[in-house]
Amino acid sequence: MGFLDTSAFRRFAADKMQKVGLFETPQMFCDVYCLEPGQAQKVHSHAGATKFYYVIEGEGTFTVGDDTRTLGPGHLAWSAPDEPHGVENRGDVRLVVLVSMAPNPNLS
């Protein structure tokens, strides 16, 4: 499959952030993260992997390394291998973020 409408892959839950897989290859994965207000992905890191977050809708507070910034639609945050990163929805509306990481930790 080479083309996707990401709006068809959004899913929200009151208890926790939802990760919706778009596609996965041996080299990388690509997901949509859906966060209700107040939800977060705690700051963490991945050994040897680069990850990016691209804001589709809403506004998120992103941490990369020692820096924390609030980003809206069209903005991107990325972490280098082994660099701490995470996202939090501190706003009043839903947050939808496109996320990809390489190499794919799920298949290593």
PDB file of N, CA and C in Angstrom:
ATOM      1  N   MET A   1       0.863  -1.165   0.000  1.00  0.00           N
ATOM      2  CA  MET A   1       0.000   0.000   0.000  1.00  0.00           C
ATOM      3  C   MET A   1       0.911   1.229   0.000  1.00  0.00           C
ATOM      4  N   GLY A   2       0.704   2.146  -0.924  1.00  0.00           N
ATOM      5  CA  GLY A   2       1.566   3.302  -1.027  1.00  0.00           C
ATOM      6  C   GLY A   2       0.928   4.621  -0.654  1.00  0.00           C
ATOM      7  N   PHE A   3      -0.398   4.658  -0.436  1.00  0.00           N
ATOM      8  CA  PHE A   3      -1.083   5.916  -0.142  1.00  0.00           C
ATOM      9  C   PHE A   3      -2.065   5.715   1.001  1.00  0.00           C
ATOM     10  N   LEU A   4      -2.108   6.684   1.922  1.00  0.00           N
ATOM     11  CA  LEU A   4      -3.007   6.581   3.072  1.00  0.00           C
ATOM     12  C   LEU A   4      -3.661   7.923   3.359  1.00  0.00           C
ATOM     13  N   ASP A   5      -4.902   7.882   3.787  1.00  0.00           N
ATOM     14  CA  ASP A   5      -5.588   9.048   4.325  1.00  0.00           C
ATOM     15  C   ASP A   5      -5.492   8.921   5.841  1.00  0.00           C
ATOM     16  N   THR A   6      -4.601   9.701   6.470  1.00  0.00           N
ATOM     17  CA  THR A   6      -4.357   9.536   7.899  1.00  0.00           C
ATOM     18  C   THR A   6      -5.571   9.862   8.747  1.00  0.00           C
ATOM     19  N   SER A   7      -6.532  10.624   8.223  1.00  0.00           N
ATOM     20  CA  SER A   7      -7.724  10.943   9.012  1.00  0.00           C
ATOM     21  C   SER A   7      -8.534   9.688   9.326  1.00  0.00           C
ATOM     22  N   ALA A   8      -8.379   8.653   8.524  1.00  0.00           N
ATOM     23  CA  ALA A   8      -9.104   7.398   8.748  1.00  0.00           C
ATOM     24  C   ALA A   8      -8.472   6.566   9.865  1.00  0.00           C
ATOM     25  N   PHE A   9      -7.305   6.967  10.374  1.00  0.00           N
ATOM     26  CA  PHE A   9      -6.573   6.179  11.354  1.00  0.00           C
ATOM     27  C   PHE A   9      -6.550   6.812  12.741  1.00  0.00           C
ATOM     28  N   ARG A  10      -7.400   7.768  12.995  1.00  0.00           N
ATOM     29  CA  ARG A  10      -7.411   8.434  14.303  1.00  0.00           C
ATOM     30  C   ARG A  10      -8.294   7.672  15.284  1.00  0.00           C
ATOM     31  N   ARG A  11      -7.769   7.540  16.498  1.00  0.00           N
ATOM     32  CA  ARG A  11      -8.520   6.829  17.546  1.00  0.00           C
ATOM     33  C   ARG A  11      -8.148   7.475  18.874  1.00  0.00           C
ATOM     34  N   PHE A  12      -9.150   7.774  19.679  1.00  0.00           N
ATOM     35  CA  PHE A  12      -8.929   8.402  20.979  1.00  0.00           C
ATOM     36  C   PHE A  12      -9.536   7.539  22.069  1.00  0.00           C
ATOM     37  N   ALA A  13      -8.941   7.593  23.265  1.00  0.00           N
ATOM     38  CA  ALA A  13      -9.462   6.881  24.429  1.00  0.00           C
ATOM     39  C   ALA A  13      -9.249   7.760  25.647  1.00  0.00           C
ATOM     40  N   ALA A  14     -10.194   7.729  26.567  1.00  0.00           N
ATOM     41  CA  ALA A  14     -10.130   8.585  27.752  1.00  0.00           C
ATOM     42  C   ALA A  14      -9.003   8.180  28.699  1.00  0.00           C
ATOM     43  N   ASP A  15      -8.615   6.891  28.692  1.00  0.00           N
ATOM     44  CA  ASP A  15      -7.648   6.422  29.687  1.00  0.00           C
ATOM     45  C   ASP A  15      -6.186   6.634  29.304  1.00  0.00           C
ATOM     46  N   LYS A  16      -5.858   6.651  27.998  1.00  0.00           N
ATOM     47  CA  LYS A  16      -4.454   6.853  27.622  1.00  0.00           C
ATOM     48  C   LYS A  16      -4.317   7.226  26.151  1.00  0.00           C
ATOM     49  N   MET A  17      -3.144   7.778  25.826  1.00  0.00           N
ATOM     50  CA  MET A  17      -2.806   8.116  24.460  1.00  0.00           C
ATOM     51  C   MET A  17      -2.926   6.879  23.571  1.00  0.00           C
ATOM     52  N   GLN A  18      -3.383   7.089  22.348  1.00  0.00           N
ATOM     53  CA  GLN A  18      -3.517   5.987  21.402  1.00  0.00           C
ATOM     54  C   GLN A  18      -2.438   6.077  20.327  1.00  0.00           C
ATOM     55  N   LYS A  19      -1.792   4.958  20.050  1.00  0.00           N
ATOM     56  CA  LYS A  19      -0.831   4.850  18.953  1.00  0.00           C
ATOM     57  C   LYS A  19      -1.492   4.021  17.865  1.00  0.00           C
ATOM     58  N   VAL A  20      -1.635   4.611  16.684  1.00  0.00           N
ATOM     59  CA  VAL A  20      -2.284   3.929  15.578  1.00  0.00           C
ATOM     60  C   VAL A  20      -1.245   3.723  14.476  1.00  0.00           C
ATOM     61  N   GLY A  21      -0.938   2.477  14.161  1.00  0.00           N
ATOM     62  CA  GLY A  21       0.065   2.171  13.151  1.00  0.00           C
ATOM     63  C   GLY A  21      -0.415   2.481  11.747  1.00  0.00           C
ATOM     64  N   LEU A  22       0.381   3.234  11.003  1.00  0.00           N
ATOM     65  CA  LEU A  22       0.089   3.508   9.598  1.00  0.00           C
ATOM     66  C   LEU A  22       0.782   2.497   8.701  1.00  0.00           C
ATOM     67  N   PHE A  23       2.098   2.336   8.904  1.00  0.00           N
ATOM     68  CA  PHE A  23       2.840   1.305   8.187  1.00  0.00           C
ATOM     69  C   PHE A  23       4.129   1.017   8.934  1.00  0.00           C
ATOM     70  N   GLU A  24       4.714  -0.123   8.589  1.00  0.00           N
ATOM     71  CA  GLU A  24       5.949  -0.548   9.240  1.00  0.00           C
ATOM     72  C   GLU A  24       6.782  -1.309   8.216  1.00  0.00           C
ATOM     73  N   THR A  25       8.072  -1.020   8.177  1.00  0.00           N
ATOM     74  CA  THR A  25       9.012  -1.748   7.333  1.00  0.00           C
ATOM     75  C   THR A  25      10.175  -2.180   8.219  1.00  0.00           C
ATOM     76  N   PRO A  26      11.071  -3.013   7.716  1.00  0.00           N
ATOM     77  CA  PRO A  26      12.239  -3.367   8.529  1.00  0.00           C
ATOM     78  C   PRO A  26      13.100  -2.151   8.879  1.00  0.00           C
ATOM     79  N   GLN A  27      13.010  -1.074   8.095  1.00  0.00           N
ATOM     80  CA  GLN A  27      13.823   0.110   8.334  1.00  0.00           C
ATOM     81  C   GLN A  27      13.194   1.116   9.284  1.00  0.00           C
ATOM     82  N   MET A  28      11.854   1.199   9.325  1.00  0.00           N
ATOM     83  CA  MET A  28      11.197   2.254  10.093  1.00  0.00           C
ATOM     84  C   MET A  28       9.754   1.894  10.409  1.00  0.00           C
ATOM     85  N   PHE A  29       9.145   2.676  11.299  1.00  0.00           N
ATOM     86  CA  PHE A  29       7.697   2.599  11.488  1.00  0.00           C
ATOM     87  C   PHE A  29       7.138   4.008  11.390  1.00  0.00           C
ATOM     88  N   CYS A  30       5.838   4.086  11.113  1.00  0.00           N
ATOM     89  CA  CYS A  30       5.145   5.366  11.044  1.00  0.00           C
ATOM     90  C   CYS A  30       3.780   5.199  11.698  1.00  0.00           C
ATOM     91  N   ASP A  31       3.513   6.015  12.721  1.00  0.00           N
ATOM     92  CA  ASP A  31       2.269   5.941  13.497  1.00  0.00           C
ATOM     93  C   ASP A  31       1.603   7.307  13.558  1.00  0.00           C
ATOM     94  N   VAL A  32       0.350   7.298  13.961  1.00  0.00           N
ATOM     95  CA  VAL A  32      -0.349   8.513  14.375  1.00  0.00           C
ATOM     96  C   VAL A  32      -0.592   8.370  15.870  1.00  0.00           C
ATOM     97  N   TYR A  33      -0.153   9.361  16.643  1.00  0.00           N
ATOM     98  CA  TYR A  33      -0.435   9.404  18.075  1.00  0.00           C
ATOM     99  C   TYR A  33      -1.614  10.339  18.281  1.00  0.00           C
ATOM    100  N   CYS A  34      -2.584   9.887  19.059  1.00  0.00           N
ATOM    101  CA  CYS A  34      -3.798  10.658  19.330  1.00  0.00           C
ATOM    102  C   CYS A  34      -3.893  10.872  20.843  1.00  0.00           C
ATOM    103  N   LEU A  35      -3.809  12.130  21.251  1.00  0.00           N
ATOM    104  CA  LEU A  35      -3.807  12.464  22.674  1.00  0.00           C
ATOM    105  C   LEU A  35      -4.980  13.360  23.022  1.00  0.00           C
ATOM    106  N   GLU A  36      -5.751  12.940  23.997  1.00  0.00           N
ATOM    107  CA  GLU A  36      -6.792  13.786  24.556  1.00  0.00           C
ATOM    108  C   GLU A  36      -6.108  14.829  25.454  1.00  0.00           C
ATOM    109  N   PRO A  37      -6.796  15.924  25.771  1.00  0.00           N
ATOM    110  CA  PRO A  37      -6.225  16.889  26.720  1.00  0.00           C
ATOM    111  C   PRO A  37      -5.802  16.184  28.016  1.00  0.00           C
ATOM    112  N   GLY A  38      -4.604  16.518  28.491  1.00  0.00           N
ATOM    113  CA  GLY A  38      -4.085  15.941  29.718  1.00  0.00           C
ATOM    114  C   GLY A  38      -3.279  14.663  29.541  1.00  0.00           C
ATOM    115  N   GLN A  39      -3.299  14.077  28.350  1.00  0.00           N
ATOM    116  CA  GLN A  39      -2.548  12.844  28.127  1.00  0.00           C
ATOM    117  C   GLN A  39      -1.113  13.150  27.690  1.00  0.00           C
ATOM    118  N   ALA A  40      -0.217  12.177  27.909  1.00  0.00           N
ATOM    119  CA  ALA A  40       1.188  12.385  27.582  1.00  0.00           C
ATOM    120  C   ALA A  40       1.869  11.063  27.256  1.00  0.00           C
ATOM    121  N   GLN A  41       2.957  11.192  26.541  1.00  0.00           N
ATOM    122  CA  GLN A  41       3.911  10.105  26.375  1.00  0.00           C
ATOM    123  C   GLN A  41       5.118  10.539  27.201  1.00  0.00           C
ATOM    124  N   LYS A  42       5.432   9.799  28.236  1.00  0.00           N
ATOM    125  CA  LYS A  42       6.512  10.226  29.126  1.00  0.00           C
ATOM    126  C   LYS A  42       7.832  10.314  28.366  1.00  0.00           C
ATOM    127  N   VAL A  43       8.701  11.150  28.870  1.00  0.00           N
ATOM    128  CA  VAL A  43      10.014  11.337  28.261  1.00  0.00           C
ATOM    129  C   VAL A  43      10.794  10.029  28.375  1.00  0.00           C
ATOM    130  N   HIS A  44      11.365   9.602  27.256  1.00  0.00           N
ATOM    131  CA  HIS A  44      12.101   8.348  27.164  1.00  0.00           C
ATOM    132  C   HIS A  44      13.130   8.481  26.040  1.00  0.00           C
ATOM    133  N   SER A  45      13.896   7.455  25.793  1.00  0.00           N
ATOM    134  CA  SER A  45      14.859   7.487  24.689  1.00  0.00           C
ATOM    135  C   SER A  45      14.926   6.115  24.035  1.00  0.00           C
ATOM    136  N   HIS A  46      15.525   6.094  22.841  1.00  0.00           N
ATOM    137  CA  HIS A  46      15.698   4.859  22.085  1.00  0.00           C
ATOM    138  C   HIS A  46      17.162   4.740  21.690  1.00  0.00           C
ATOM    139  N   ALA A  47      17.760   3.638  22.026  1.00  0.00           N
ATOM    140  CA  ALA A  47      19.165   3.425  21.690  1.00  0.00           C
ATOM    141  C   ALA A  47      19.328   3.326  20.169  1.00  0.00           C
ATOM    142  N   GLY A  48      20.136   4.201  19.615  1.00  0.00           N
ATOM    143  CA  GLY A  48      20.492   4.119  18.205  1.00  0.00           C
ATOM    144  C   GLY A  48      19.407   4.475  17.216  1.00  0.00           C
ATOM    145  N   ALA A  49      18.309   5.115  17.642  1.00  0.00           N
ATOM    146  CA  ALA A  49      17.206   5.422  16.724  1.00  0.00           C
ATOM    147  C   ALA A  49      16.879   6.911  16.732  1.00  0.00           C
ATOM    148  N   THR A  50      16.556   7.421  15.562  1.00  0.00           N
ATOM    149  CA  THR A  50      16.096   8.800  15.387  1.00  0.00           C
ATOM    150  C   THR A  50      14.581   8.775  15.274  1.00  0.00           C
ATOM    151  N   LYS A  51      13.910   9.725  15.956  1.00  0.00           N
ATOM    152  CA  LYS A  51      12.448   9.772  15.962  1.00  0.00           C
ATOM    153  C   LYS A  51      11.992  11.185  15.683  1.00  0.00           C
ATOM    154  N   PHE A  52      10.869  11.313  14.954  1.00  0.00           N
ATOM    155  CA  PHE A  52      10.287  12.645  14.782  1.00  0.00           C
ATOM    156  C   PHE A  52       8.805  12.640  15.096  1.00  0.00           C
ATOM    157  N   TYR A  53       8.331  13.810  15.510  1.00  0.00           N
ATOM    158  CA  TYR A  53       6.915  14.085  15.754  1.00  0.00           C
ATOM    159  C   TYR A  53       6.530  15.260  14.843  1.00  0.00           C
ATOM    160  N   TYR A  54       5.474  15.101  14.044  1.00  0.00           N
ATOM    161  CA  TYR A  54       4.969  16.166  13.184  1.00  0.00           C
ATOM    162  C   TYR A  54       3.523  16.451  13.595  1.00  0.00           C
ATOM    163  N   VAL A  55       3.240  17.674  14.003  1.00  0.00           N
ATOM    164  CA  VAL A  55       1.904  18.010  14.503  1.00  0.00           C
ATOM    165  C   VAL A  55       0.937  18.174  13.333  1.00  0.00           C
ATOM    166  N   ILE A  56      -0.117  17.366  13.342  1.00  0.00           N
ATOM    167  CA  ILE A  56      -1.169  17.448  12.320  1.00  0.00           C
ATOM    168  C   ILE A  56      -2.268  18.397  12.784  1.00  0.00           C
ATOM    169  N   GLU A  57      -2.735  18.182  14.010  1.00  0.00           N
ATOM    170  CA  GLU A  57      -3.741  19.106  14.561  1.00  0.00           C
ATOM    171  C   GLU A  57      -3.615  19.196  16.064  1.00  0.00           C
ATOM    172  N   GLY A  58      -4.063  20.330  16.596  1.00  0.00           N
ATOM    173  CA  GLY A  58      -3.941  20.589  18.019  1.00  0.00           C
ATOM    174  C   GLY A  58      -2.608  21.245  18.333  1.00  0.00           C
ATOM    175  N   GLU A  59      -2.258  21.208  19.597  1.00  0.00           N
ATOM    176  CA  GLU A  59      -1.021  21.818  20.057  1.00  0.00           C
ATOM    177  C   GLU A  59      -0.425  20.915  21.125  1.00  0.00           C
ATOM    178  N   GLY A  60       0.865  20.622  21.008  1.00  0.00           N
ATOM    179  CA  GLY A  60       1.517  19.743  21.960  1.00  0.00           C
ATOM    180  C   GLY A  60       2.749  20.372  22.569  1.00  0.00           C
ATOM    181  N   THR A  61       3.086  19.920  23.751  1.00  0.00           N
ATOM    182  CA  THR A  61       4.316  20.342  24.412  1.00  0.00           C
ATOM    183  C   THR A  61       5.302  19.199  24.267  1.00  0.00           C
ATOM    184  N   PHE A  62       6.382  19.462  23.548  1.00  0.00           N
ATOM    185  CA  PHE A  62       7.372  18.440  23.201  1.00  0.00           C
ATOM    186  C   PHE A  62       8.660  18.686  23.961  1.00  0.00           C
ATOM    187  N   THR A  63       9.233  17.611  24.466  1.00  0.00           N
ATOM    188  CA  THR A  63      10.542  17.665  25.099  1.00  0.00           C
ATOM    189  C   THR A  63      11.509  16.892  24.224  1.00  0.00           C
ATOM    190  N   VAL A  64      12.635  17.517  23.909  1.00  0.00           N
ATOM    191  CA  VAL A  64      13.735  16.870  23.199  1.00  0.00           C
ATOM    192  C   VAL A  64      15.004  17.288  23.919  1.00  0.00           C
ATOM    193  N   GLY A  65      15.666  16.318  24.507  1.00  0.00           N
ATOM    194  CA  GLY A  65      16.846  16.635  25.303  1.00  0.00           C
ATOM    195  C   GLY A  65      16.453  17.510  26.486  1.00  0.00           C
ATOM    196  N   ASP A  66      17.132  18.638  26.647  1.00  0.00           N
ATOM    197  CA  ASP A  66      16.849  19.567  27.741  1.00  0.00           C
ATOM    198  C   ASP A  66      15.882  20.680  27.342  1.00  0.00           C
ATOM    199  N   ASP A  67      15.362  20.636  26.123  1.00  0.00           N
ATOM    200  CA  ASP A  67      14.505  21.708  25.597  1.00  0.00           C
ATOM    201  C   ASP A  67      13.051  21.256  25.568  1.00  0.00           C
ATOM    202  N   THR A  68      12.140  22.112  25.986  1.00  0.00           N
ATOM    203  CA  THR A  68      10.703  21.843  25.926  1.00  0.00           C
ATOM    204  C   THR A  68      10.029  23.011  25.223  1.00  0.00           C
ATOM    205  N   ARG A  69       9.217  22.684  24.202  1.00  0.00           N
ATOM    206  CA  ARG A  69       8.540  23.724  23.427  1.00  0.00           C
ATOM    207  C   ARG A  69       7.119  23.291  23.097  1.00  0.00           C
ATOM    208  N   THR A  70       6.243  24.277  22.942  1.00  0.00           N
ATOM    209  CA  THR A  70       4.872  24.040  22.505  1.00  0.00           C
ATOM    210  C   THR A  70       4.811  24.277  21.005  1.00  0.00           C
ATOM    211  N   LEU A  71       4.291  23.273  20.281  1.00  0.00           N
ATOM    212  CA  LEU A  71       4.240  23.322  18.826  1.00  0.00           C
ATOM    213  C   LEU A  71       2.829  23.067  18.328  1.00  0.00           C
ATOM    214  N   GLY A  72       2.480  23.708  17.213  1.00  0.00           N
ATOM    215  CA  GLY A  72       1.177  23.529  16.588  1.00  0.00           C
ATOM    216  C   GLY A  72       1.291  22.895  15.217  1.00  0.00           C
ATOM    217  N   PRO A  73       0.181  22.864  14.472  1.00  0.00           N
ATOM    218  CA  PRO A  73       0.143  22.220  13.160  1.00  0.00           C
ATOM    219  C   PRO A  73       1.252  22.711  12.231  1.00  0.00           C
ATOM    220  N   GLY A  74       1.888  21.748  11.573  1.00  0.00           N
ATOM    221  CA  GLY A  74       2.952  22.056  10.637  1.00  0.00           C
ATOM    222  C   GLY A  74       4.329  22.080  11.256  1.00  0.00           C
ATOM    223  N   HIS A  75       4.420  21.993  12.574  1.00  0.00           N
ATOM    224  CA  HIS A  75       5.721  21.998  13.245  1.00  0.00           C
ATOM    225  C   HIS A  75       6.210  20.573  13.495  1.00  0.00           C
ATOM    226  N   LEU A  76       7.536  20.432  13.553  1.00  0.00           N
ATOM    227  CA  LEU A  76       8.160  19.135  13.722  1.00  0.00           C
ATOM    228  C   LEU A  76       9.192  19.196  14.834  1.00  0.00           C
ATOM    229  N   ALA A  77       9.226  18.151  15.635  1.00  0.00           N
ATOM    230  CA  ALA A  77      10.271  17.973  16.654  1.00  0.00           C
ATOM    231  C   ALA A  77      10.933  16.635  16.373  1.00  0.00           C
ATOM    232  N   TRP A  78      12.255  16.576  16.486  1.00  0.00           N
ATOM    233  CA  TRP A  78      12.932  15.299  16.271  1.00  0.00           C
ATOM    234  C   TRP A  78      14.047  15.106  17.284  1.00  0.00           C
ATOM    235  N   SER A  79      14.279  13.839  17.595  1.00  0.00           N
ATOM    236  CA  SER A  79      15.324  13.497  18.561  1.00  0.00           C
ATOM    237  C   SER A  79      16.381  12.638  17.875  1.00  0.00           C
ATOM    238  N   ALA A  80      17.608  12.907  18.218  1.00  0.00           N
ATOM    239  CA  ALA A  80      18.730  12.111  17.726  1.00  0.00           C
ATOM    240  C   ALA A  80      18.770  10.783  18.483  1.00  0.00           C
ATOM    241  N   PRO A  81      19.525   9.811  17.990  1.00  0.00           N
ATOM    242  CA  PRO A  81      19.639   8.546  18.713  1.00  0.00           C
ATOM    243  C   PRO A  81      20.053   8.771  20.169  1.00  0.00           C
ATOM    244  N   ASP A  82      19.398   8.064  21.064  1.00  0.00           N
ATOM    245  CA  ASP A  82      19.672   8.077  22.503  1.00  0.00           C
ATOM    246  C   ASP A  82      19.245   9.368  23.204  1.00  0.00           C
ATOM    247  N   GLU A  83      18.637  10.314  22.496  1.00  0.00           N
ATOM    248  CA  GLU A  83      18.243  11.594  23.094  1.00  0.00           C
ATOM    249  C   GLU A  83      16.844  11.475  23.712  1.00  0.00           C
ATOM    250  N   PRO A  84      16.665  11.905  24.944  1.00  0.00           N
ATOM    251  CA  PRO A  84      15.346  11.846  25.587  1.00  0.00           C
ATOM    252  C   PRO A  84      14.325  12.696  24.832  1.00  0.00           C
ATOM    253  N   HIS A  85      13.089  12.185  24.757  1.00  0.00           N
ATOM    254  CA  HIS A  85      12.021  12.894  24.052  1.00  0.00           C
ATOM    255  C   HIS A  85      10.659  12.428  24.571  1.00  0.00           C
ATOM    256  N   GLY A  86       9.638  13.265  24.379  1.00  0.00           N
ATOM    257  CA  GLY A  86       8.279  12.930  24.778  1.00  0.00           C
ATOM    258  C   GLY A  86       7.335  14.036  24.382  1.00  0.00           C
ATOM    259  N   VAL A  87       6.035  13.791  24.550  1.00  0.00           N
ATOM    260  CA  VAL A  87       5.014  14.765  24.171  1.00  0.00           C
ATOM    261  C   VAL A  87       3.902  14.769  25.206  1.00  0.00           C
ATOM    262  N   GLU A  88       3.311  15.948  25.399  1.00  0.00           N
ATOM    263  CA  GLU A  88       2.204  16.112  26.341  1.00  0.00           C
ATOM    264  C   GLU A  88       1.166  17.037  25.714  1.00  0.00           C
ATOM    265  N   ASN A  89      -0.104  16.699  25.910  1.00  0.00           N
ATOM    266  CA  ASN A  89      -1.183  17.573  25.466  1.00  0.00           C
ATOM    267  C   ASN A  89      -1.670  18.371  26.670  1.00  0.00           C
ATOM    268  N   ARG A  90      -1.168  19.590  26.791  1.00  0.00           N
ATOM    269  CA  ARG A  90      -1.558  20.468  27.895  1.00  0.00           C
ATOM    270  C   ARG A  90      -2.733  21.365  27.511  1.00  0.00           C
ATOM    271  N   GLY A  91      -3.202  21.249  26.279  1.00  0.00           N
ATOM    272  CA  GLY A  91      -4.269  22.120  25.786  1.00  0.00           C
ATOM    273  C   GLY A  91      -5.662  21.605  26.112  1.00  0.00           C
ATOM    274  N   ASP A  92      -6.645  22.248  25.499  1.00  0.00           N
ATOM    275  CA  ASP A  92      -8.053  21.917  25.714  1.00  0.00           C
ATOM    276  C   ASP A  92      -8.659  21.130  24.563  1.00  0.00           C
ATOM    277  N   VAL A  93      -7.889  20.891  23.493  1.00  0.00           N
ATOM    278  CA  VAL A  93      -8.390  20.162  22.322  1.00  0.00           C
ATOM    279  C   VAL A  93      -7.504  18.953  22.059  1.00  0.00           C
ATOM    280  N   ARG A  94      -8.005  18.056  21.258  1.00  0.00           N
ATOM    281  CA  ARG A  94      -7.261  16.847  20.911  1.00  0.00           C
ATOM    282  C   ARG A  94      -5.989  17.189  20.130  1.00  0.00           C
ATOM    283  N   LEU A  95      -4.986  16.343  20.302  1.00  0.00           N
ATOM    284  CA  LEU A  95      -3.709  16.492  19.618  1.00  0.00           C
ATOM    285  C   LEU A  95      -3.492  15.261  18.744  1.00  0.00           C
ATOM    286  N   VAL A  96      -3.161  15.499  17.462  1.00  0.00           N
ATOM    287  CA  VAL A  96      -2.867  14.415  16.522  1.00  0.00           C
ATOM    288  C   VAL A  96      -1.470  14.657  15.962  1.00  0.00           C
ATOM    289  N   VAL A  97      -0.604  13.651  16.090  1.00  0.00           N
ATOM    290  CA  VAL A  97       0.801  13.786  15.718  1.00  0.00           C
ATOM    291  C   VAL A  97       1.219  12.603  14.846  1.00  0.00           C
ATOM    292  N   LEU A  98       1.895  12.889  13.742  1.00  0.00           N
ATOM    293  CA  LEU A  98       2.504  11.858  12.916  1.00  0.00           C
ATOM    294  C   LEU A  98       3.879  11.558  13.510  1.00  0.00           C
ATOM    295  N   VAL A  99       4.186  10.282  13.716  1.00  0.00           N
ATOM    296  CA  VAL A  99       5.434   9.884  14.374  1.00  0.00           C
ATOM    297  C   VAL A  99       6.119   8.808  13.534  1.00  0.00           C
ATOM    298  N   SER A 100       7.429   8.956  13.380  1.00  0.00           N
ATOM    299  CA  SER A 100       8.193   7.925  12.691  1.00  0.00           C
ATOM    300  C   SER A 100       9.539   7.756  13.397  1.00  0.00           C
ATOM    301  N   MET A 101      10.072   6.545  13.307  1.00  0.00           N
ATOM    302  CA  MET A 101      11.368   6.259  13.929  1.00  0.00           C
ATOM    303  C   MET A 101      12.136   5.273  13.060  1.00  0.00           C
ATOM    304  N   ALA A 102      13.445   5.516  12.972  1.00  0.00           N
ATOM    305  CA  ALA A 102      14.321   4.604  12.244  1.00  0.00           C
ATOM    306  C   ALA A 102      15.666   4.537  12.969  1.00  0.00           C
ATOM    307  N   PRO A 103      16.265   3.363  13.032  1.00  0.00           N
ATOM    308  CA  PRO A 103      15.716   2.104  12.557  1.00  0.00           C
ATOM    309  C   PRO A 103      14.522   1.643  13.395  1.00  0.00           C
ATOM    310  N   ASN A 104      13.791   0.722  12.865  1.00  0.00           N
ATOM    311  CA  ASN A 104      12.588   0.213  13.507  1.00  0.00           C
ATOM    312  C   ASN A 104      12.942  -0.644  14.724  1.00  0.00           C
ATOM    313  N   PRO A 105      12.640  -0.179  15.949  1.00  0.00           N
ATOM    314  CA  PRO A 105      12.973  -0.980  17.135  1.00  0.00           C
ATOM    315  C   PRO A 105      12.085  -2.197  17.292  1.00  0.00           C
ATOM    316  N   ASN A 106      10.921  -2.202  16.620  1.00  0.00           N
ATOM    317  CA  ASN A 106       9.990  -3.323  16.730  1.00  0.00           C
ATOM    318  C   ASN A 106      10.493  -4.567  15.994  1.00  0.00           C
ATOM    319  N   LEU A 107      11.409  -4.354  15.042  1.00  0.00           N
ATOM    320  CA  LEU A 107      11.866  -5.481  14.223  1.00  0.00           C
ATOM    321  C   LEU A 107      13.352  -5.767  14.384  1.00  0.00           C
ATOM    322  N   SER A 108      13.995  -5.137  15.361  1.00  0.00           N
ATOM    323  CA  SER A 108      15.426  -5.402  15.527  1.00  0.00           C
ATOM    324  C   SER A 108      15.666  -6.539  16.480  1.00  0.00           C
TER     325      SER A 108
END
